PDB file of N, CA and C in Angstrom:
ATOM      1  N   UNK A   1       0.828  -1.184   0.000  1.00  0.00           N
ATOM      2  CA  UNK A   1       0.000   0.000   0.000  1.00  0.00           C
ATOM      3  C   UNK A   1       0.876   1.252   0.000  1.00  0.00           C
ATOM      4  N   UNK A   2       1.970   1.187   0.705  1.00  0.00           N
ATOM      5  CA  UNK A   2       2.875   2.330   0.733  1.00  0.00           C
ATOM      6  C   UNK A   2       3.445   2.601  -0.650  1.00  0.00           C
ATOM      7  N   UNK A   3       3.829   1.545  -1.346  1.00  0.00           N
ATOM      8  CA  UNK A   3       4.385   1.716  -2.687  1.00  0.00           C
ATOM      9  C   UNK A   3       3.345   2.285  -3.636  1.00  0.00           C
ATOM     10  N   UNK A   4       2.121   1.800  -3.560  1.00  0.00           N
ATOM     11  CA  UNK A   4       1.056   2.318  -4.423  1.00  0.00           C
ATOM     12  C   UNK A   4       0.842   3.801  -4.154  1.00  0.00           C
ATOM     13  N   UNK A   5       0.826   4.192  -2.898  1.00  0.00           N
ATOM     14  CA  UNK A   5       0.652   5.604  -2.555  1.00  0.00           C
ATOM     15  C   UNK A   5       1.830   6.437  -3.058  1.00  0.00           C
ATOM     16  N   UNK A   6       3.039   5.928  -2.883  1.00  0.00           N
ATOM     17  CA  UNK A   6       4.225   6.638  -3.365  1.00  0.00           C
ATOM     18  C   UNK A   6       4.148   6.859  -4.865  1.00  0.00           C
ATOM     19  N   UNK A   7       3.857   5.801  -5.614  1.00  0.00           N
ATOM     20  CA  UNK A   7       3.825   5.906  -7.072  1.00  0.00           C
ATOM     21  C   UNK A   7       2.660   6.759  -7.565  1.00  0.00           C
ATOM     22  N   UNK A   8       1.603   6.867  -6.767  1.00  0.00           N
ATOM     23  CA  UNK A   8       0.477   7.721  -7.148  1.00  0.00           C
ATOM     24  C   UNK A   8       0.861   9.198  -7.094  1.00  0.00           C
ATOM     25  N   UNK A   9       1.706   9.560  -6.117  1.00  0.00           N
ATOM     26  CA  UNK A   9       2.097  10.969  -6.009  1.00  0.00           C
ATOM     27  C   UNK A   9       3.434  11.266  -6.686  1.00  0.00           C
ATOM     28  N   UNK A  10       4.233  10.227  -6.892  1.00  0.00           N
ATOM     29  CA  UNK A  10       5.545  10.396  -7.521  1.00  0.00           C
ATOM     30  C   UNK A  10       5.817   9.158  -8.377  1.00  0.00           C
ATOM     31  N   UNK A  11       5.389   9.170  -9.630  1.00  0.00           N
ATOM     32  CA  UNK A  11       5.500   7.978 -10.473  1.00  0.00           C
ATOM     33  C   UNK A  11       6.927   7.514 -10.768  1.00  0.00           C
ATOM     34  N   UNK A  12       7.917   8.387 -10.586  1.00  0.00           N
ATOM     35  CA  UNK A  12       9.307   8.013 -10.869  1.00  0.00           C
ATOM     36  C   UNK A  12      10.213   8.455  -9.720  1.00  0.00           C
ATOM     37  N   UNK A  13      10.040   7.836  -8.552  1.00  0.00           N
ATOM     38  CA  UNK A  13      10.854   8.235  -7.403  1.00  0.00           C
ATOM     39  C   UNK A  13      12.306   7.795  -7.564  1.00  0.00           C
ATOM     40  N   UNK A  14      13.196   8.531  -6.922  1.00  0.00           N
ATOM     41  CA  UNK A  14      14.586   8.094  -6.855  1.00  0.00           C
ATOM     42  C   UNK A  14      14.671   6.984  -5.812  1.00  0.00           C
ATOM     43  N   UNK A  15      15.801   6.299  -5.772  1.00  0.00           N
ATOM     44  CA  UNK A  15      15.967   5.265  -4.748  1.00  0.00           C
ATOM     45  C   UNK A  15      15.862   5.869  -3.356  1.00  0.00           C
ATOM     46  N   UNK A  16      16.412   7.055  -3.172  1.00  0.00           N
ATOM     47  CA  UNK A  16      16.357   7.708  -1.859  1.00  0.00           C
ATOM     48  C   UNK A  16      14.916   8.052  -1.474  1.00  0.00           C
ATOM     49  N   UNK A  17      14.118   8.504  -2.437  1.00  0.00           N
ATOM     50  CA  UNK A  17      12.714   8.808  -2.161  1.00  0.00           C
ATOM     51  C   UNK A  17      11.944   7.537  -1.819  1.00  0.00           C
ATOM     52  N   UNK A  18      12.228   6.452  -2.527  1.00  0.00           N
ATOM     53  CA  UNK A  18      11.570   5.177  -2.243  1.00  0.00           C
ATOM     54  C   UNK A  18      11.965   4.676  -0.855  1.00  0.00           C
ATOM     55  N   UNK A  19      13.245   4.767  -0.528  1.00  0.00           N
ATOM     56  CA  UNK A  19      13.697   4.353   0.806  1.00  0.00           C
ATOM     57  C   UNK A  19      13.031   5.182   1.892  1.00  0.00           C
ATOM     58  N   UNK A  20      12.911   6.476   1.663  1.00  0.00           N
ATOM     59  CA  UNK A  20      12.265   7.343   2.647  1.00  0.00           C
ATOM     60  C   UNK A  20      10.800   6.952   2.840  1.00  0.00           C
ATOM     61  N   UNK A  21      10.112   6.658   1.748  1.00  0.00           N
ATOM     62  CA  UNK A  21       8.702   6.268   1.840  1.00  0.00           C
ATOM     63  C   UNK A  21       8.531   4.941   2.569  1.00  0.00           C
ATOM     64  N   UNK A  22       9.487   4.040   2.385  1.00  0.00           N
ATOM     65  CA  UNK A  22       9.389   2.701   2.969  1.00  0.00           C
ATOM     66  C   UNK A  22      10.087   2.570   4.323  1.00  0.00           C
ATOM     67  N   UNK A  23      10.583   3.649   4.864  1.00  0.00           N
ATOM     68  CA  UNK A  23      11.426   3.569   6.058  1.00  0.00           C
ATOM     69  C   UNK A  23      10.775   2.845   7.225  1.00  0.00           C
ATOM     70  N   UNK A  24       9.467   2.882   7.338  1.00  0.00           N
ATOM     71  CA  UNK A  24       8.803   2.194   8.446  1.00  0.00           C
ATOM     72  C   UNK A  24       8.302   0.809   8.054  1.00  0.00           C
ATOM     73  N   UNK A  25       8.477   0.418   6.801  1.00  0.00           N
ATOM     74  CA  UNK A  25       7.952  -0.851   6.317  1.00  0.00           C
ATOM     75  C   UNK A  25       9.017  -1.896   6.044  1.00  0.00           C
ATOM     76  N   UNK A  26      10.274  -1.535   6.158  1.00  0.00           N
ATOM     77  CA  UNK A  26      11.323  -2.485   5.818  1.00  0.00           C
ATOM     78  C   UNK A  26      11.442  -3.557   6.893  1.00  0.00           C
ATOM     79  N   UNK A  27      11.656  -4.772   6.452  1.00  0.00           N
ATOM     80  CA  UNK A  27      11.737  -5.892   7.378  1.00  0.00           C
ATOM     81  C   UNK A  27      13.169  -6.105   7.862  1.00  0.00           C
ATOM     82  N   UNK A  28      13.297  -6.923   8.881  1.00  0.00           N
ATOM     83  CA  UNK A  28      14.610  -7.231   9.441  1.00  0.00           C
ATOM     84  C   UNK A  28      15.223  -8.474   8.818  1.00  0.00           C
ATOM     85  N   UNK A  29      14.543  -9.111   7.903  1.00  0.00           N
ATOM     86  CA  UNK A  29      15.023 -10.384   7.357  1.00  0.00           C
ATOM     87  C   UNK A  29      16.049 -10.205   6.243  1.00  0.00           C
ATOM     88  N   UNK A  30      16.325  -8.982   5.861  1.00  0.00           N
ATOM     89  CA  UNK A  30      17.340  -8.743   4.848  1.00  0.00           C
ATOM     90  C   UNK A  30      16.820  -8.646   3.428  1.00  0.00           C
ATOM     91  N   UNK A  31      15.507  -8.684   3.243  1.00  0.00           N
ATOM     92  CA  UNK A  31      14.970  -8.608   1.881  1.00  0.00           C
ATOM     93  C   UNK A  31      14.659  -7.176   1.456  1.00  0.00           C
ATOM     94  N   UNK A  32      15.072  -6.195   2.247  1.00  0.00           N
ATOM     95  CA  UNK A  32      14.754  -4.810   1.902  1.00  0.00           C
ATOM     96  C   UNK A  32      15.347  -4.403   0.553  1.00  0.00           C
ATOM     97  N   UNK A  33      16.454  -5.009   0.164  1.00  0.00           N
ATOM     98  CA  UNK A  33      17.036  -4.718  -1.156  1.00  0.00           C
ATOM     99  C   UNK A  33      16.077  -5.175  -2.253  1.00  0.00           C
ATOM    100  N   UNK A  34      15.484  -6.333  -2.070  1.00  0.00           N
ATOM    101  CA  UNK A  34      14.515  -6.846  -3.050  1.00  0.00           C
ATOM    102  C   UNK A  34      13.255  -5.988  -3.072  1.00  0.00           C
ATOM    103  N   UNK A  35      12.844  -5.497  -1.912  1.00  0.00           N
ATOM    104  CA  UNK A  35      11.670  -4.631  -1.846  1.00  0.00           C
ATOM    105  C   UNK A  35      11.939  -3.339  -2.609  1.00  0.00           C
ATOM    106  N   UNK A  36      13.094  -2.743  -2.392  1.00  0.00           N
ATOM    107  CA  UNK A  36      13.457  -1.519  -3.107  1.00  0.00           C
ATOM    108  C   UNK A  36      13.533  -1.782  -4.608  1.00  0.00           C
ATOM    109  N   UNK A  37      14.104  -2.896  -4.992  1.00  0.00           N
ATOM    110  CA  UNK A  37      14.195  -3.248  -6.412  1.00  0.00           C
ATOM    111  C   UNK A  37      12.792  -3.387  -7.014  1.00  0.00           C
ATOM    112  N   UNK A  38      11.862  -3.954  -6.277  1.00  0.00           N
ATOM    113  CA  UNK A  38      10.490  -4.106  -6.764  1.00  0.00           C
ATOM    114  C   UNK A  38       9.817  -2.750  -6.948  1.00  0.00           C
ATOM    115  N   UNK A  39      10.068  -1.819  -6.037  1.00  0.00           N
ATOM    116  CA  UNK A  39       9.506  -0.473  -6.174  1.00  0.00           C
ATOM    117  C   UNK A  39      10.047   0.193  -7.432  1.00  0.00           C
ATOM    118  N   UNK A  40      11.352   0.085  -7.640  1.00  0.00           N
ATOM    119  CA  UNK A  40      11.953   0.703  -8.815  1.00  0.00           C
ATOM    120  C   UNK A  40      11.453   0.030 -10.095  1.00  0.00           C
ATOM    121  N   UNK A  41      11.260  -1.278 -10.052  1.00  0.00           N
ATOM    122  CA  UNK A  41      10.729  -1.995 -11.213  1.00  0.00           C
ATOM    123  C   UNK A  41       9.295  -1.536 -11.490  1.00  0.00           C
ATOM    124  N   UNK A  42       8.500  -1.373 -10.435  1.00  0.00           N
ATOM    125  CA  UNK A  42       7.113  -0.945 -10.601  1.00  0.00           C
ATOM    126  C   UNK A  42       7.029   0.466 -11.182  1.00  0.00           C
ATOM    127  N   UNK A  43       8.024   1.283 -10.901  1.00  0.00           N
ATOM    128  CA  UNK A  43       8.015   2.645 -11.435  1.00  0.00           C
ATOM    129  C   UNK A  43       8.576   2.702 -12.852  1.00  0.00           C
ATOM    130  N   UNK A  44       9.028   1.559 -13.369  1.00  0.00           N
ATOM    131  CA  UNK A  44       9.540   1.505 -14.725  1.00  0.00           C
ATOM    132  C   UNK A  44      10.978   1.961 -14.857  1.00  0.00           C
ATOM    133  N   UNK A  45      11.674   2.095 -13.740  1.00  0.00           N
ATOM    134  CA  UNK A  45      13.044   2.595 -13.775  1.00  0.00           C
ATOM    135  C   UNK A  45      14.091   1.499 -13.690  1.00  0.00           C
ATOM    136  N   UNK A  46      13.661   0.275 -13.521  1.00  0.00           N
ATOM    137  CA  UNK A  46      14.616  -0.820 -13.421  1.00  0.00           C
ATOM    138  C   UNK A  46      14.159  -1.923 -14.355  1.00  0.00           C
ATOM    139  N   UNK A  47      15.011  -2.293 -15.244  1.00  0.00           N
ATOM    140  CA  UNK A  47      14.740  -3.437 -16.103  1.00  0.00           C
ATOM    141  C   UNK A  47      15.880  -4.410 -15.921  1.00  0.00           C
ATOM    142  N   UNK A  48      15.549  -5.657 -15.880  1.00  0.00           N
ATOM    143  CA  UNK A  48      16.562  -6.683 -15.694  1.00  0.00           C
ATOM    144  C   UNK A  48      16.663  -7.515 -16.950  1.00  0.00           C
ATOM    145  N   UNK A  49      17.860  -7.919 -17.267  1.00  0.00           N
ATOM    146  CA  UNK A  49      18.071  -8.771 -18.433  1.00  0.00           C
ATOM    147  C   UNK A  49      17.400 -10.115 -18.204  1.00  0.00           C
ATOM    148  N   UNK A  50      16.762 -10.604 -19.235  1.00  0.00           N
ATOM    149  CA  UNK A  50      16.103 -11.905 -19.167  1.00  0.00           C
ATOM    150  C   UNK A  50      16.907 -12.870 -20.012  1.00  0.00           C
ATOM    151  N   UNK A  51      17.276 -13.997 -19.423  1.00  0.00           N
ATOM    152  CA  UNK A  51      18.054 -15.003 -20.156  1.00  0.00           C
ATOM    153  C   UNK A  51      17.178 -15.793 -21.093  1.00  0.00           C
TER     154      UNK A  51
END
């Protein structure tokens, strides 16, 4: 829900803006890098090579 709200007001956030928006939602399990990557992918700013 936080990501949807972020992208609604800022469709192309920087990584720092995404981190700031998610600062209270990041987990302790170490997957926060994957969460940030998903936000950037959802905003269309990250594309990954497909084998």
